[in-house]
N, C-alpha and C. Protein backbone atom coordinates (compact mmCIF):
# COMPACT_ATOMS: atom_id res chain seq x y z
N UNK A 1 22.19 -6.46 7.35
CA UNK A 1 21.99 -5.05 7.56
C UNK A 1 22.53 -4.70 8.94
N UNK A 2 23.29 -3.64 9.00
CA UNK A 2 23.84 -3.23 10.28
C UNK A 2 22.75 -2.59 11.13
N UNK A 3 22.99 -2.58 12.43
CA UNK A 3 22.03 -1.94 13.34
C UNK A 3 21.89 -0.46 13.00
N UNK A 4 23.02 0.18 12.62
CA UNK A 4 23.00 1.61 12.29
C UNK A 4 22.07 1.86 11.10
N UNK A 5 22.21 1.03 10.05
CA UNK A 5 21.38 1.22 8.87
C UNK A 5 19.91 0.95 9.19
N UNK A 6 19.65 -0.07 10.00
CA UNK A 6 18.27 -0.37 10.38
C UNK A 6 17.68 0.80 11.17
N UNK A 7 18.47 1.37 12.08
CA UNK A 7 18.03 2.52 12.85
C UNK A 7 17.72 3.70 11.94
N UNK A 8 18.63 3.97 10.99
CA UNK A 8 18.44 5.10 10.08
C UNK A 8 17.18 4.90 9.23
N UNK A 9 16.97 3.69 8.73
CA UNK A 9 15.79 3.44 7.91
C UNK A 9 14.52 3.62 8.71
N UNK A 10 14.52 3.14 9.95
CA UNK A 10 13.36 3.31 10.81
C UNK A 10 13.12 4.78 11.09
N UNK A 11 14.19 5.50 11.33
CA UNK A 11 14.10 6.93 11.61
C UNK A 11 13.57 7.69 10.40
N UNK A 12 14.09 7.36 9.23
CA UNK A 12 13.64 8.02 8.00
C UNK A 12 12.15 7.80 7.81
N UNK A 13 11.71 6.56 7.97
CA UNK A 13 10.29 6.26 7.80
C UNK A 13 9.46 7.04 8.80
N UNK A 14 9.86 7.05 10.06
CA UNK A 14 9.14 7.79 11.08
C UNK A 14 9.11 9.27 10.80
N UNK A 15 10.24 9.81 10.38
CA UNK A 15 10.31 11.24 10.09
C UNK A 15 9.35 11.61 8.97
N UNK A 16 9.36 10.83 7.93
CA UNK A 16 8.49 11.15 6.80
C UNK A 16 7.02 10.98 7.16
N UNK A 17 6.70 9.93 7.88
CA UNK A 17 5.31 9.73 8.27
C UNK A 17 4.81 10.90 9.10
N UNK A 18 5.65 11.45 9.97
CA UNK A 18 5.25 12.55 10.84
C UNK A 18 5.32 13.90 10.14
N UNK A 19 6.28 14.09 9.23
CA UNK A 19 6.57 15.42 8.73
C UNK A 19 6.37 15.65 7.23
N UNK A 20 6.21 14.61 6.46
CA UNK A 20 6.14 14.79 5.01
C UNK A 20 4.99 15.72 4.62
N UNK A 21 3.86 15.59 5.28
CA UNK A 21 2.71 16.42 4.93
C UNK A 21 2.93 17.87 5.33
N UNK A 22 3.82 18.11 6.29
CA UNK A 22 4.06 19.46 6.77
C UNK A 22 5.02 20.23 5.88
N UNK A 23 5.98 19.53 5.30
CA UNK A 23 7.00 20.21 4.50
C UNK A 23 7.52 19.25 3.44
N UNK A 24 7.70 19.75 2.24
CA UNK A 24 8.25 18.90 1.19
C UNK A 24 9.75 19.15 1.02
N UNK A 25 10.35 19.87 1.95
CA UNK A 25 11.79 20.11 1.95
C UNK A 25 12.37 19.73 3.31
N UNK A 26 13.46 18.98 3.31
CA UNK A 26 14.16 18.66 4.56
C UNK A 26 15.66 18.68 4.31
N UNK A 27 16.42 18.79 5.36
CA UNK A 27 17.88 18.70 5.24
C UNK A 27 18.29 17.24 5.26
N UNK A 28 19.47 16.97 4.77
CA UNK A 28 20.01 15.61 4.86
C UNK A 28 20.24 15.23 6.31
N UNK A 29 20.62 16.20 7.12
CA UNK A 29 20.81 15.94 8.53
C UNK A 29 19.52 15.44 9.17
N UNK A 30 18.39 16.03 8.80
CA UNK A 30 17.10 15.57 9.30
C UNK A 30 16.77 14.18 8.76
N UNK A 31 17.05 13.97 7.50
CA UNK A 31 16.77 12.68 6.87
C UNK A 31 17.55 11.56 7.54
N UNK A 32 18.83 11.81 7.79
CA UNK A 32 19.69 10.79 8.39
C UNK A 32 19.73 10.87 9.91
N UNK A 33 18.87 11.70 10.48
CA UNK A 33 18.75 11.86 11.93
C UNK A 33 20.11 12.12 12.58
N UNK A 34 20.88 13.02 11.95
CA UNK A 34 22.15 13.43 12.51
C UNK A 34 23.30 12.46 12.29
N UNK A 35 23.05 11.34 11.68
CA UNK A 35 24.09 10.34 11.40
C UNK A 35 24.72 10.66 10.04
N UNK A 36 26.02 10.87 10.03
CA UNK A 36 26.70 11.14 8.76
C UNK A 36 26.99 9.84 8.02
N UNK A 37 26.73 9.81 6.71
CA UNK A 37 27.15 8.64 5.91
C UNK A 37 28.67 8.52 5.93
N UNK A 38 29.17 7.33 5.67
CA UNK A 38 30.62 7.13 5.58
C UNK A 38 31.21 8.07 4.55
N UNK A 39 32.45 8.47 4.76
CA UNK A 39 33.10 9.44 3.87
C UNK A 39 33.29 8.91 2.45
N UNK A 40 33.28 7.59 2.26
CA UNK A 40 33.45 7.04 0.92
C UNK A 40 32.12 6.91 0.16
N UNK A 41 31.02 7.35 0.76
CA UNK A 41 29.72 7.28 0.11
C UNK A 41 29.60 8.34 -0.98
N UNK A 42 28.86 8.02 -2.01
CA UNK A 42 28.67 8.89 -3.17
C UNK A 42 28.06 10.24 -2.81
N UNK A 43 27.28 10.29 -1.77
CA UNK A 43 26.61 11.53 -1.40
C UNK A 43 27.58 12.69 -1.21
N UNK A 44 28.80 12.39 -0.74
CA UNK A 44 29.78 13.45 -0.48
C UNK A 44 30.35 14.06 -1.75
N UNK A 45 30.09 13.44 -2.90
CA UNK A 45 30.48 14.04 -4.17
C UNK A 45 29.48 15.13 -4.59
N UNK A 46 28.34 15.17 -3.92
CA UNK A 46 27.27 16.12 -4.27
C UNK A 46 27.04 17.20 -3.23
N UNK A 47 27.40 16.94 -1.99
CA UNK A 47 27.15 17.91 -0.93
C UNK A 47 28.38 18.05 -0.03
N UNK A 48 28.48 19.21 0.60
CA UNK A 48 29.50 19.43 1.62
C UNK A 48 28.86 19.15 2.98
N UNK A 49 29.68 19.18 4.00
CA UNK A 49 29.15 18.98 5.34
C UNK A 49 28.17 20.12 5.69
N UNK A 50 28.49 21.34 5.25
CA UNK A 50 27.57 22.45 5.49
C UNK A 50 26.24 22.24 4.77
N UNK A 51 26.31 21.76 3.51
CA UNK A 51 25.08 21.46 2.78
C UNK A 51 24.26 20.40 3.53
N UNK A 52 24.94 19.38 4.01
CA UNK A 52 24.30 18.28 4.72
C UNK A 52 23.49 18.81 5.90
N UNK A 53 24.07 19.76 6.60
CA UNK A 53 23.43 20.29 7.81
C UNK A 53 22.42 21.39 7.55
N UNK A 54 22.65 22.21 6.53
CA UNK A 54 21.88 23.46 6.41
C UNK A 54 20.94 23.56 5.23
N UNK A 55 21.24 22.91 4.12
CA UNK A 55 20.45 23.10 2.91
C UNK A 55 19.24 22.16 2.93
N UNK A 56 18.08 22.72 2.64
CA UNK A 56 16.86 21.90 2.54
C UNK A 56 16.67 21.47 1.09
N UNK A 57 16.46 20.16 0.93
CA UNK A 57 16.26 19.57 -0.39
C UNK A 57 14.81 19.09 -0.51
N UNK A 58 14.32 19.10 -1.72
CA UNK A 58 12.93 18.75 -1.98
C UNK A 58 12.72 17.24 -1.95
N UNK A 59 11.60 16.83 -1.40
CA UNK A 59 11.17 15.44 -1.47
C UNK A 59 10.23 15.32 -2.65
N UNK A 60 10.54 14.42 -3.56
CA UNK A 60 9.76 14.24 -4.78
C UNK A 60 9.27 12.80 -4.87
N UNK A 61 8.38 12.56 -5.78
CA UNK A 61 7.96 11.20 -6.10
C UNK A 61 8.64 10.82 -7.40
N UNK A 62 9.25 9.63 -7.43
CA UNK A 62 9.93 9.20 -8.64
C UNK A 62 9.31 7.91 -9.17
N UNK A 63 9.51 7.69 -10.46
CA UNK A 63 9.10 6.47 -11.12
C UNK A 63 10.24 5.45 -10.97
N UNK A 64 9.97 4.37 -10.28
CA UNK A 64 10.99 3.36 -10.00
C UNK A 64 11.57 2.81 -11.30
N UNK A 65 10.74 2.54 -12.29
CA UNK A 65 11.23 1.95 -13.55
C UNK A 65 12.23 2.87 -14.25
N UNK A 66 11.96 4.17 -14.26
CA UNK A 66 12.88 5.11 -14.92
C UNK A 66 14.26 5.09 -14.29
N UNK A 67 14.30 5.07 -12.98
CA UNK A 67 15.59 5.07 -12.29
C UNK A 67 16.27 3.71 -12.36
N UNK A 68 15.48 2.64 -12.28
CA UNK A 68 16.06 1.30 -12.35
C UNK A 68 16.66 1.05 -13.72
N UNK A 69 16.04 1.57 -14.77
CA UNK A 69 16.56 1.38 -16.13
C UNK A 69 18.00 1.86 -16.27
N UNK A 70 18.40 2.87 -15.48
CA UNK A 70 19.76 3.41 -15.57
C UNK A 70 20.82 2.41 -15.12
N UNK A 71 20.45 1.45 -14.26
CA UNK A 71 21.48 0.53 -13.80
C UNK A 71 21.08 -0.95 -13.88
N UNK A 72 20.04 -1.26 -14.67
CA UNK A 72 19.58 -2.65 -14.72
C UNK A 72 20.61 -3.60 -15.34
N UNK A 73 21.46 -3.10 -16.24
CA UNK A 73 22.50 -3.97 -16.79
C UNK A 73 23.56 -4.31 -15.74
N UNK A 74 23.84 -3.36 -14.86
CA UNK A 74 24.82 -3.58 -13.81
C UNK A 74 24.36 -4.62 -12.80
N UNK A 75 23.07 -4.71 -12.58
CA UNK A 75 22.55 -5.60 -11.55
C UNK A 75 22.78 -7.07 -11.90
N UNK A 76 22.99 -7.35 -13.16
CA UNK A 76 23.28 -8.73 -13.58
C UNK A 76 24.64 -9.20 -13.04
N UNK A 77 25.50 -8.26 -12.66
CA UNK A 77 26.86 -8.59 -12.27
C UNK A 77 27.15 -8.33 -10.79
N UNK A 78 26.11 -8.21 -9.98
CA UNK A 78 26.35 -7.92 -8.57
C UNK A 78 26.72 -9.19 -7.80
N UNK A 79 27.35 -8.99 -6.69
CA UNK A 79 27.81 -10.11 -5.87
C UNK A 79 26.64 -10.78 -5.17
N UNK A 80 26.90 -11.96 -4.63
CA UNK A 80 25.86 -12.67 -3.89
C UNK A 80 25.46 -11.89 -2.64
N UNK A 81 26.40 -11.17 -2.05
CA UNK A 81 26.09 -10.34 -0.88
C UNK A 81 25.11 -9.23 -1.27
N UNK A 82 25.33 -8.59 -2.43
CA UNK A 82 24.43 -7.55 -2.90
C UNK A 82 23.04 -8.13 -3.19
N UNK A 83 23.00 -9.31 -3.77
CA UNK A 83 21.71 -9.97 -4.04
C UNK A 83 20.99 -10.28 -2.74
N UNK A 84 21.74 -10.70 -1.72
CA UNK A 84 21.15 -11.00 -0.42
C UNK A 84 20.53 -9.74 0.20
N UNK A 85 21.21 -8.61 0.07
CA UNK A 85 20.68 -7.35 0.61
C UNK A 85 19.37 -6.99 -0.08
N UNK A 86 19.34 -7.10 -1.40
CA UNK A 86 18.12 -6.79 -2.15
C UNK A 86 16.99 -7.74 -1.75
N UNK A 87 17.30 -9.02 -1.64
CA UNK A 87 16.30 -10.02 -1.24
C UNK A 87 15.76 -9.71 0.16
N UNK A 88 16.64 -9.31 1.07
CA UNK A 88 16.21 -8.95 2.42
C UNK A 88 15.24 -7.77 2.38
N UNK A 89 15.54 -6.77 1.56
CA UNK A 89 14.63 -5.65 1.41
C UNK A 89 13.29 -6.11 0.81
N UNK A 90 13.34 -6.99 -0.17
CA UNK A 90 12.10 -7.50 -0.77
C UNK A 90 11.25 -8.23 0.26
N UNK A 91 11.92 -9.04 1.08
CA UNK A 91 11.20 -9.79 2.11
C UNK A 91 10.55 -8.87 3.14
N UNK A 92 11.08 -7.66 3.26
CA UNK A 92 10.57 -6.68 4.23
C UNK A 92 9.97 -5.46 3.54
N UNK A 93 9.45 -5.65 2.33
CA UNK A 93 9.02 -4.53 1.51
C UNK A 93 7.93 -3.69 2.20
N UNK A 94 7.06 -4.31 2.96
CA UNK A 94 6.02 -3.53 3.65
C UNK A 94 6.60 -2.64 4.73
N UNK A 95 7.74 -3.03 5.28
CA UNK A 95 8.39 -2.21 6.31
C UNK A 95 9.22 -1.07 5.72
N UNK A 96 9.62 -1.20 4.46
CA UNK A 96 10.49 -0.17 3.86
C UNK A 96 9.80 0.66 2.80
N UNK A 97 8.55 0.36 2.50
CA UNK A 97 7.89 1.04 1.37
C UNK A 97 7.79 2.55 1.55
N UNK A 98 7.87 3.04 2.79
CA UNK A 98 7.84 4.48 3.02
C UNK A 98 9.24 5.08 3.13
N UNK A 99 10.29 4.24 3.08
CA UNK A 99 11.65 4.77 3.08
C UNK A 99 11.87 5.57 1.81
N UNK A 100 12.71 6.57 1.91
CA UNK A 100 13.03 7.32 0.70
C UNK A 100 14.48 7.07 0.34
N UNK A 101 14.76 7.26 -0.93
CA UNK A 101 16.13 7.18 -1.39
C UNK A 101 16.60 8.59 -1.72
N UNK A 102 17.89 8.75 -1.95
CA UNK A 102 18.44 10.05 -2.30
C UNK A 102 18.85 10.00 -3.76
N UNK A 103 18.37 10.97 -4.54
CA UNK A 103 18.63 10.99 -5.98
C UNK A 103 19.09 12.37 -6.42
N UNK A 104 19.60 12.41 -7.63
CA UNK A 104 19.82 13.66 -8.35
C UNK A 104 18.93 13.53 -9.58
N UNK A 105 17.76 14.17 -9.54
CA UNK A 105 16.79 13.99 -10.62
C UNK A 105 17.26 14.59 -11.94
N UNK A 106 18.15 15.56 -11.87
CA UNK A 106 18.66 16.20 -13.08
C UNK A 106 19.34 15.15 -13.98
N UNK A 107 20.11 14.25 -13.36
CA UNK A 107 20.82 13.21 -14.10
C UNK A 107 20.18 11.83 -13.96
N UNK A 108 19.05 11.74 -13.25
CA UNK A 108 18.42 10.45 -12.95
C UNK A 108 19.41 9.50 -12.27
N UNK A 109 20.16 10.02 -11.30
CA UNK A 109 21.14 9.21 -10.57
C UNK A 109 20.64 8.87 -9.18
N UNK A 110 20.91 7.66 -8.77
CA UNK A 110 20.61 7.24 -7.41
C UNK A 110 21.87 7.51 -6.59
N UNK A 111 21.74 8.31 -5.56
CA UNK A 111 22.88 8.66 -4.73
C UNK A 111 22.96 7.73 -3.52
N UNK A 112 21.84 7.42 -2.93
CA UNK A 112 21.76 6.49 -1.80
C UNK A 112 20.44 5.76 -1.89
N UNK A 113 20.51 4.42 -2.03
CA UNK A 113 19.28 3.65 -2.09
C UNK A 113 19.19 2.64 -3.22
N UNK A 114 20.33 2.26 -3.82
CA UNK A 114 20.30 1.30 -4.93
C UNK A 114 19.59 0.00 -4.55
N UNK A 115 19.94 -0.55 -3.39
CA UNK A 115 19.36 -1.83 -2.98
C UNK A 115 17.86 -1.72 -2.76
N UNK A 116 17.44 -0.64 -2.13
CA UNK A 116 16.01 -0.43 -1.90
C UNK A 116 15.28 -0.22 -3.22
N UNK A 117 15.87 0.56 -4.13
CA UNK A 117 15.25 0.77 -5.43
C UNK A 117 15.08 -0.55 -6.16
N UNK A 118 16.09 -1.40 -6.14
CA UNK A 118 15.98 -2.72 -6.79
C UNK A 118 14.87 -3.54 -6.15
N UNK A 119 14.79 -3.51 -4.83
CA UNK A 119 13.72 -4.25 -4.13
C UNK A 119 12.35 -3.72 -4.53
N UNK A 120 12.21 -2.39 -4.61
CA UNK A 120 10.94 -1.81 -5.04
C UNK A 120 10.60 -2.26 -6.46
N UNK A 121 11.60 -2.23 -7.33
CA UNK A 121 11.40 -2.63 -8.73
C UNK A 121 10.94 -4.09 -8.82
N UNK A 122 11.68 -4.98 -8.16
CA UNK A 122 11.36 -6.41 -8.22
C UNK A 122 10.06 -6.75 -7.50
N UNK A 123 9.60 -5.87 -6.64
CA UNK A 123 8.33 -6.08 -5.93
C UNK A 123 7.16 -5.42 -6.65
N UNK A 124 7.42 -4.77 -7.78
CA UNK A 124 6.35 -4.18 -8.57
C UNK A 124 5.87 -2.82 -8.08
N UNK A 125 6.62 -2.19 -7.20
CA UNK A 125 6.25 -0.86 -6.73
C UNK A 125 6.70 0.16 -7.77
N UNK A 126 5.79 0.99 -8.22
CA UNK A 126 6.07 1.89 -9.33
C UNK A 126 6.51 3.29 -8.92
N UNK A 127 6.03 3.79 -7.79
CA UNK A 127 6.34 5.16 -7.35
C UNK A 127 6.84 5.12 -5.91
N UNK A 128 7.90 5.91 -5.64
CA UNK A 128 8.42 6.05 -4.29
C UNK A 128 8.83 7.50 -4.06
N UNK A 129 9.07 7.82 -2.80
CA UNK A 129 9.56 9.16 -2.46
C UNK A 129 11.07 9.18 -2.49
N UNK A 130 11.62 10.32 -2.89
CA UNK A 130 13.07 10.49 -2.92
C UNK A 130 13.42 11.92 -2.53
N UNK A 131 14.53 12.06 -1.85
CA UNK A 131 15.07 13.40 -1.59
C UNK A 131 15.93 13.74 -2.79
N UNK A 132 15.66 14.88 -3.40
CA UNK A 132 16.30 15.27 -4.66
C UNK A 132 17.40 16.30 -4.40
N UNK A 133 18.64 15.90 -4.62
CA UNK A 133 19.77 16.82 -4.39
C UNK A 133 19.86 17.93 -5.42
N UNK A 134 19.10 17.82 -6.50
CA UNK A 134 19.12 18.89 -7.50
C UNK A 134 18.02 19.93 -7.27
N UNK A 135 17.24 19.74 -6.20
CA UNK A 135 16.13 20.64 -5.88
C UNK A 135 16.30 21.23 -4.48
N UNK A 136 16.99 22.37 -4.40
CA UNK A 136 17.19 23.03 -3.10
C UNK A 136 16.14 24.08 -2.87
N UNK A 137 15.89 24.35 -1.59
CA UNK A 137 14.99 25.44 -1.23
C UNK A 137 15.76 26.74 -1.23
């Protein structure tokens, strides 16, 4: 895991712990603490830079099994590096259990957080928080 990703995950957890009870809508800019995802990331197929900065999206609770079912066949074919990332998340599940992933609930798609979702699934966690790109304020 890169230092940047570790920082973002820590920031996301801290942000939610401090602010989730105050508001169920946040911007992606707030979620990522001003750090833009790489341009090749899937998130850019769903939002523009203006959306990233200005649009507030709803934080929802999702069923891990429902979302994992959408890609469980693909996970059989992942690389050893991908397996290592998932295992690392599993080993640190107590530190990441409050992290949220980014989804499009309309299509049950995971936009950002496949590895974390897999770790939650394999660790028996049934419900997690997600920022829903299909639910704008």
